[in-house]
N, C-alpha and C. Protein backbone atom coordinates (compact mmCIF):
# COMPACT_ATOMS: atom_id res chain seq x y z
N MET A 1 -154.61 -52.69 -95.06
CA MET A 1 -155.64 -53.55 -96.15
C MET A 1 -154.34 -54.76 -96.70
N LYS A 2 -153.62 -53.57 -97.01
CA LYS A 2 -152.61 -54.81 -97.53
C LYS A 2 -152.55 -56.36 -97.07
N LEU A 3 -152.89 -56.07 -96.06
CA LEU A 3 -152.23 -57.27 -94.60
C LEU A 3 -153.78 -58.67 -95.26
N PHE A 4 -154.28 -57.89 -94.87
CA PHE A 4 -155.68 -58.61 -95.54
C PHE A 4 -155.71 -59.44 -96.61
N ARG A 5 -155.57 -58.84 -97.42
CA ARG A 5 -155.47 -58.75 -98.75
C ARG A 5 -154.35 -60.53 -98.70
N ALA A 6 -153.19 -60.56 -97.91
CA ALA A 6 -152.15 -61.12 -97.92
C ALA A 6 -152.63 -62.12 -97.59
N ILE A 7 -153.04 -62.06 -96.41
CA ILE A 7 -153.13 -62.86 -95.50
C ILE A 7 -155.12 -63.48 -95.84
N SER A 8 -155.68 -62.94 -96.93
CA SER A 8 -157.02 -63.75 -97.32
C SER A 8 -156.61 -64.46 -98.47
N GLU A 9 -155.55 -63.65 -99.83
CA GLU A 9 -154.35 -64.95 -100.30
C GLU A 9 -154.37 -66.16 -100.01
N ARG A 10 -153.04 -66.11 -99.36
CA ARG A 10 -152.93 -67.14 -98.17
C ARG A 10 -153.28 -68.25 -98.36
N LEU A 11 -154.46 -67.43 -97.26
CA LEU A 11 -156.10 -69.05 -97.35
C LEU A 11 -156.26 -69.75 -98.54
N ARG A 12 -156.40 -69.04 -99.67
CA ARG A 12 -157.52 -69.22 -100.49
C ARG A 12 -156.65 -70.49 -101.09
N LYS A 13 -155.15 -70.14 -100.91
CA LYS A 13 -154.28 -71.17 -102.02
C LYS A 13 -153.62 -72.79 -100.72
N LYS A 14 -153.40 -72.34 -100.08
CA LYS A 14 -153.32 -73.83 -99.04
C LYS A 14 -153.93 -75.20 -99.23
N GLN A 15 -153.38 -75.10 -99.12
CA GLN A 15 -153.65 -76.71 -99.85
C GLN A 15 -153.90 -77.61 -98.52
N GLU A 16 -155.47 -78.33 -98.86
CA GLU A 16 -155.84 -79.48 -98.29
C GLU A 16 -155.54 -81.16 -97.90
N PHE A 17 -155.61 -81.51 -97.34
CA PHE A 17 -155.65 -82.68 -97.21
C PHE A 17 -156.36 -83.44 -96.59
N HIS A 18 -156.70 -84.96 -97.34
CA HIS A 18 -158.12 -85.25 -95.93
C HIS A 18 -157.60 -87.37 -95.96
N TYR A 19 -157.81 -87.55 -95.20
CA TYR A 19 -157.51 -88.65 -94.83
C TYR A 19 -159.00 -89.22 -94.42
N ALA A 20 -158.41 -90.88 -93.97
CA ALA A 20 -160.02 -91.77 -93.20
C ALA A 20 -158.83 -92.29 -92.49
N ARG A 21 -159.34 -92.93 -90.91
CA ARG A 21 -158.39 -93.04 -89.87
C ARG A 21 -159.06 -94.39 -90.34
N ILE A 22 -157.97 -95.23 -90.11
CA ILE A 22 -158.67 -96.67 -89.48
C ILE A 22 -159.16 -97.37 -88.85
N SER A 23 -159.36 -97.95 -88.06
CA SER A 23 -159.88 -98.90 -86.67
C SER A 23 -158.66 -100.46 -86.84
N SER A 24 -157.84 -100.99 -85.62
CA SER A 24 -156.83 -102.51 -86.10
C SER A 24 -158.12 -103.70 -87.07
N TYR A 25 -159.44 -103.05 -87.23
CA TYR A 25 -160.28 -104.27 -87.16
C TYR A 25 -160.44 -103.25 -88.80
N GLY A 26 -160.14 -103.02 -89.43
CA GLY A 26 -159.79 -102.36 -90.97
C GLY A 26 -160.71 -101.58 -90.70
N ILE A 27 -161.27 -101.00 -89.72
CA ILE A 27 -162.62 -99.71 -89.82
C ILE A 27 -162.36 -98.22 -89.83
N CYS A 28 -163.20 -97.84 -90.97
CA CYS A 28 -163.40 -95.74 -90.72
C CYS A 28 -163.66 -95.21 -89.17
N ASP A 29 -162.65 -95.01 -88.76
CA ASP A 29 -163.07 -94.30 -87.40
C ASP A 29 -163.59 -92.36 -87.68
N SER A 30 -162.91 -91.91 -88.24
CA SER A 30 -162.47 -91.20 -88.42
C SER A 30 -162.21 -89.74 -89.70
N ILE A 31 -162.47 -89.25 -90.02
CA ILE A 31 -162.07 -88.56 -91.39
C ILE A 31 -161.77 -86.81 -91.53
N PHE A 32 -160.39 -86.99 -90.87
CA PHE A 32 -160.00 -85.51 -90.55
C PHE A 32 -159.16 -85.07 -91.94
N ARG A 33 -158.94 -83.06 -91.71
CA ARG A 33 -158.47 -82.94 -92.59
C ARG A 33 -156.41 -82.77 -91.99
N VAL A 34 -155.84 -82.23 -92.83
CA VAL A 34 -154.54 -81.15 -92.00
C VAL A 34 -153.48 -80.68 -92.87
N ASP A 35 -152.86 -79.73 -93.06
CA ASP A 35 -152.09 -78.45 -94.32
C ASP A 35 -151.00 -79.25 -94.88
N GLY A 36 -150.81 -80.59 -94.55
CA GLY A 36 -149.85 -81.42 -94.86
C GLY A 36 -149.96 -82.84 -95.33
N PRO A 37 -149.42 -83.25 -96.54
CA PRO A 37 -149.71 -84.71 -96.53
C PRO A 37 -148.75 -86.05 -95.34
N VAL A 38 -149.77 -87.26 -94.84
CA VAL A 38 -148.77 -87.63 -93.62
C VAL A 38 -148.85 -88.90 -94.76
N GLN A 39 -147.59 -88.94 -93.32
CA GLN A 39 -147.86 -91.65 -93.61
C GLN A 39 -147.41 -92.46 -92.81
N TRP A 40 -148.87 -91.64 -92.46
CA TRP A 40 -149.46 -92.76 -91.71
C TRP A 40 -149.92 -94.30 -92.08
N ALA A 41 -148.70 -95.43 -90.94
CA ALA A 41 -149.84 -96.99 -91.07
C ALA A 41 -151.65 -96.81 -91.01
N ASN A 42 -152.18 -96.74 -90.63
CA ASN A 42 -153.29 -96.32 -90.02
C ASN A 42 -154.58 -95.59 -91.44
N THR A 43 -154.04 -94.50 -92.44
CA THR A 43 -154.94 -93.84 -91.85
C THR A 43 -154.50 -93.53 -94.39
N ILE A 44 -155.92 -93.82 -94.67
CA ILE A 44 -155.93 -92.87 -96.14
C ILE A 44 -156.78 -91.89 -97.08
N PRO A 45 -156.26 -91.83 -98.00
CA PRO A 45 -156.30 -90.22 -98.52
C PRO A 45 -157.72 -90.59 -99.25
N VAL A 46 -158.26 -89.82 -99.03
CA VAL A 46 -159.50 -90.38 -99.52
C VAL A 46 -160.20 -88.29 -99.86
N ASN A 47 -161.25 -88.41 -100.79
CA ASN A 47 -161.22 -87.34 -100.99
C ASN A 47 -162.50 -86.12 -100.14
N GLY A 48 -161.33 -85.49 -99.85
CA GLY A 48 -162.48 -84.26 -98.93
C GLY A 48 -163.22 -85.15 -98.09
N LEU A 49 -163.62 -84.05 -97.14
CA LEU A 49 -164.87 -84.43 -95.63
C LEU A 49 -165.31 -85.18 -95.79
N ASP A 50 -165.44 -86.91 -96.71
CA ASP A 50 -166.91 -86.93 -96.31
C ASP A 50 -166.83 -88.46 -95.62
N THR A 51 -168.13 -87.80 -94.59
CA THR A 51 -167.50 -88.39 -92.90
C THR A 51 -169.24 -89.51 -93.56
N SER A 52 -169.61 -90.21 -94.66
CA SER A 52 -170.94 -91.27 -94.98
C SER A 52 -169.47 -92.57 -95.31
N LEU A 53 -167.46 -92.53 -94.70
CA LEU A 53 -166.96 -93.30 -94.97
C LEU A 53 -166.20 -94.29 -93.76
N ILE A 54 -166.92 -93.57 -92.95
CA ILE A 54 -167.09 -93.74 -91.12
C ILE A 54 -168.18 -95.21 -90.93
N GLY A 55 -167.57 -96.21 -90.31
CA GLY A 55 -167.88 -97.58 -89.89
C GLY A 55 -168.34 -98.33 -90.82
N LYS A 56 -167.55 -97.97 -92.52
CA LYS A 56 -167.07 -99.18 -93.80
C LYS A 56 -165.62 -99.27 -93.29
N ARG A 57 -165.56 -100.52 -94.37
CA ARG A 57 -164.43 -101.82 -93.80
C ARG A 57 -163.51 -100.90 -95.75
N TRP A 58 -162.13 -101.10 -94.64
CA TRP A 58 -161.33 -100.77 -96.05
C TRP A 58 -160.59 -101.94 -96.57
N VAL A 59 -160.83 -103.06 -97.64
CA VAL A 59 -160.59 -104.25 -98.36
C VAL A 59 -159.13 -103.40 -99.13
N GLY A 60 -158.49 -104.31 -98.77
CA GLY A 60 -157.04 -103.79 -99.83
C GLY A 60 -157.16 -102.80 -100.34
N ASN A 61 -158.36 -102.49 -101.52
CA ASN A 61 -158.10 -100.65 -102.75
C ASN A 61 -160.20 -100.64 -102.17
N ARG A 62 -160.43 -100.95 -101.44
CA ARG A 62 -161.94 -100.46 -102.03
C ARG A 62 -162.38 -100.47 -100.67
N TRP A 63 -163.38 -99.42 -100.36
CA TRP A 63 -164.78 -99.86 -99.49
C TRP A 63 -165.57 -100.16 -98.93
N VAL A 64 -165.97 -101.13 -97.96
CA VAL A 64 -166.94 -101.55 -97.76
C VAL A 64 -167.97 -101.72 -97.01
N GLY A 65 -169.79 -102.27 -97.30
CA GLY A 65 -170.48 -101.88 -96.12
C GLY A 65 -170.92 -100.82 -96.25
């Protein structure tokens, strides 16, 4: 029982990071979640797994389309 509680507590505290992947044309082609921060050239941090961003263009600092 202690093991179950320990695993459950760890999963509750686990931090998630969400990103939009941007194509070479500046268009979001996917949204994904990772367990740690990334600094990839073709990714933009987003709030949650917002799939409505797929197909939109990233222009400067905002979504268009």
